[in-house]
Amino acid sequence: MKIIAPILTFAILICAALLCFGHGDEEVAEDQELVKATGYWIYNDLEKGIAQAEKTKQPMLIVFR
């Protein structure tokens, strides 16, 4: 009985982690579509981002995923 409780707890934690973190690719794809549709963010075009930063005299934030 003492062995079953830790194994059951571990199994529940693994299942919870899979449910919480299993949809990352879908969420990234949805975010990318939303970002491209608004036109506010420059996605996957470094040259265009640099040109916009120079034009507006504002810094750039580059996020690597």
C-alpha atoms as a PDB file:
ATOM      1  CA  MET A   1       0.000   0.000   0.000  1.00  0.00           C
ATOM      2  CA  LYS A   2       2.894   2.370   0.706  1.00  0.00           C
ATOM      3  CA  ILE A   3       4.260   1.851  -2.818  1.00  0.00           C
ATOM      4  CA  ILE A   4       0.956   2.435  -4.610  1.00  0.00           C
ATOM      5  CA  ALA A   5       0.411   5.989  -3.320  1.00  0.00           C
ATOM      6  CA  PRO A   6       3.647   7.480  -4.769  1.00  0.00           C
ATOM      7  CA  ILE A   7       3.167   5.658  -8.080  1.00  0.00           C
ATOM      8  CA  LEU A   8      -0.424   6.853  -8.335  1.00  0.00           C
ATOM      9  CA  THR A   9       0.623  10.419  -7.459  1.00  0.00           C
ATOM     10  CA  PHE A  10       3.362  10.340 -10.090  1.00  0.00           C
ATOM     11  CA  ALA A  11       0.942   9.011 -12.736  1.00  0.00           C
ATOM     12  CA  ILE A  12      -1.561  11.764 -11.949  1.00  0.00           C
ATOM     13  CA  LEU A  13       1.147  14.441 -12.215  1.00  0.00           C
ATOM     14  CA  ILE A  14       2.313  13.079 -15.579  1.00  0.00           C
ATOM     15  CA  CYS A  15      -1.251  13.071 -16.932  1.00  0.00           C
ATOM     16  CA  ALA A  16      -1.842  16.625 -15.697  1.00  0.00           C
ATOM     17  CA  ALA A  17       1.385  17.835 -17.317  1.00  0.00           C
ATOM     18  CA  LEU A  18       0.447  16.253 -20.643  1.00  0.00           C
ATOM     19  CA  LEU A  19      -2.965  17.893 -20.558  1.00  0.00           C
ATOM     20  CA  CYS A  20      -1.555  21.320 -19.696  1.00  0.00           C
ATOM     21  CA  PHE A  21       1.362  21.441 -22.099  1.00  0.00           C
ATOM     22  CA  GLY A  22       0.217  19.350 -25.041  1.00  0.00           C
ATOM     23  CA  HIS A  23      -1.158  22.117 -27.309  1.00  0.00           C
ATOM     24  CA  GLY A  24       1.861  24.379 -27.803  1.00  0.00           C
ATOM     25  CA  ASP A  25       2.209  24.060 -31.572  1.00  0.00           C
ATOM     26  CA  GLU A  26      -1.455  24.843 -32.185  1.00  0.00           C
ATOM     27  CA  GLU A  27      -1.329  27.916 -29.951  1.00  0.00           C
ATOM     28  CA  VAL A  28       1.797  29.234 -31.669  1.00  0.00           C
ATOM     29  CA  ALA A  29       0.178  28.804 -35.091  1.00  0.00           C
ATOM     30  CA  GLU A  30      -2.967  30.639 -33.941  1.00  0.00           C
ATOM     31  CA  ASP A  31      -0.859  33.450 -32.436  1.00  0.00           C
ATOM     32  CA  GLN A  32       1.124  33.769 -35.655  1.00  0.00           C
ATOM     33  CA  GLU A  33      -2.053  34.109 -37.729  1.00  0.00           C
ATOM     34  CA  LEU A  34      -3.414  36.759 -35.353  1.00  0.00           C
ATOM     35  CA  VAL A  35      -0.146  38.706 -35.390  1.00  0.00           C
ATOM     36  CA  LYS A  36       0.011  38.698 -39.186  1.00  0.00           C
ATOM     37  CA  ALA A  37      -3.645  39.739 -39.495  1.00  0.00           C
ATOM     38  CA  THR A  38      -3.294  42.832 -37.277  1.00  0.00           C
ATOM     39  CA  GLY A  39      -0.243  44.197 -39.080  1.00  0.00           C
ATOM     40  CA  TYR A  40       1.048  45.742 -35.843  1.00  0.00           C
ATOM     41  CA  TRP A  41       3.836  43.204 -35.372  1.00  0.00           C
ATOM     42  CA  ILE A  42       6.453  42.316 -37.952  1.00  0.00           C
ATOM     43  CA  TYR A  43       6.761  38.551 -37.950  1.00  0.00           C
ATOM     44  CA  ASN A  44       9.673  36.633 -39.484  1.00  0.00           C
ATOM     45  CA  ASP A  45      11.077  39.564 -41.499  1.00  0.00           C
ATOM     46  CA  LEU A  46      14.233  40.942 -39.858  1.00  0.00           C
ATOM     47  CA  GLU A  47      15.079  43.416 -42.628  1.00  0.00           C
ATOM     48  CA  LYS A  48      11.613  44.966 -42.496  1.00  0.00           C
ATOM     49  CA  GLY A  49      11.868  45.179 -38.697  1.00  0.00           C
ATOM     50  CA  ILE A  50      15.231  46.930 -38.850  1.00  0.00           C
ATOM     51  CA  ALA A  51      13.930  49.393 -41.435  1.00  0.00           C
ATOM     52  CA  GLN A  52      10.865  50.153 -39.291  1.00  0.00           C
ATOM     53  CA  ALA A  53      13.030  50.646 -36.183  1.00  0.00           C
ATOM     54  CA  GLU A  54      15.321  53.058 -38.016  1.00  0.00           C
ATOM     55  CA  LYS A  55      12.357  54.946 -39.469  1.00  0.00           C
ATOM     56  CA  THR A  56      10.571  55.369 -36.127  1.00  0.00           C
ATOM     57  CA  LYS A  57      13.784  55.727 -34.052  1.00  0.00           C
ATOM     58  CA  GLN A  58      12.486  53.076 -31.648  1.00  0.00           C
ATOM     59  CA  PRO A  59      14.243  49.970 -30.313  1.00  0.00           C
ATOM     60  CA  MET A  60      13.438  46.476 -31.524  1.00  0.00           C
ATOM     61  CA  LEU A  61      12.366  43.481 -29.494  1.00  0.00           C
ATOM     62  CA  ILE A  62      13.323  40.212 -31.137  1.00  0.00           C
ATOM     63  CA  VAL A  63      11.759  37.036 -29.788  1.00  0.00           C
ATOM     64  CA  PHE A  64      13.171  33.627 -30.702  1.00  0.00           C
ATOM     65  CA  ARG A  65      10.765  30.718 -30.322  1.00  0.00           C
END
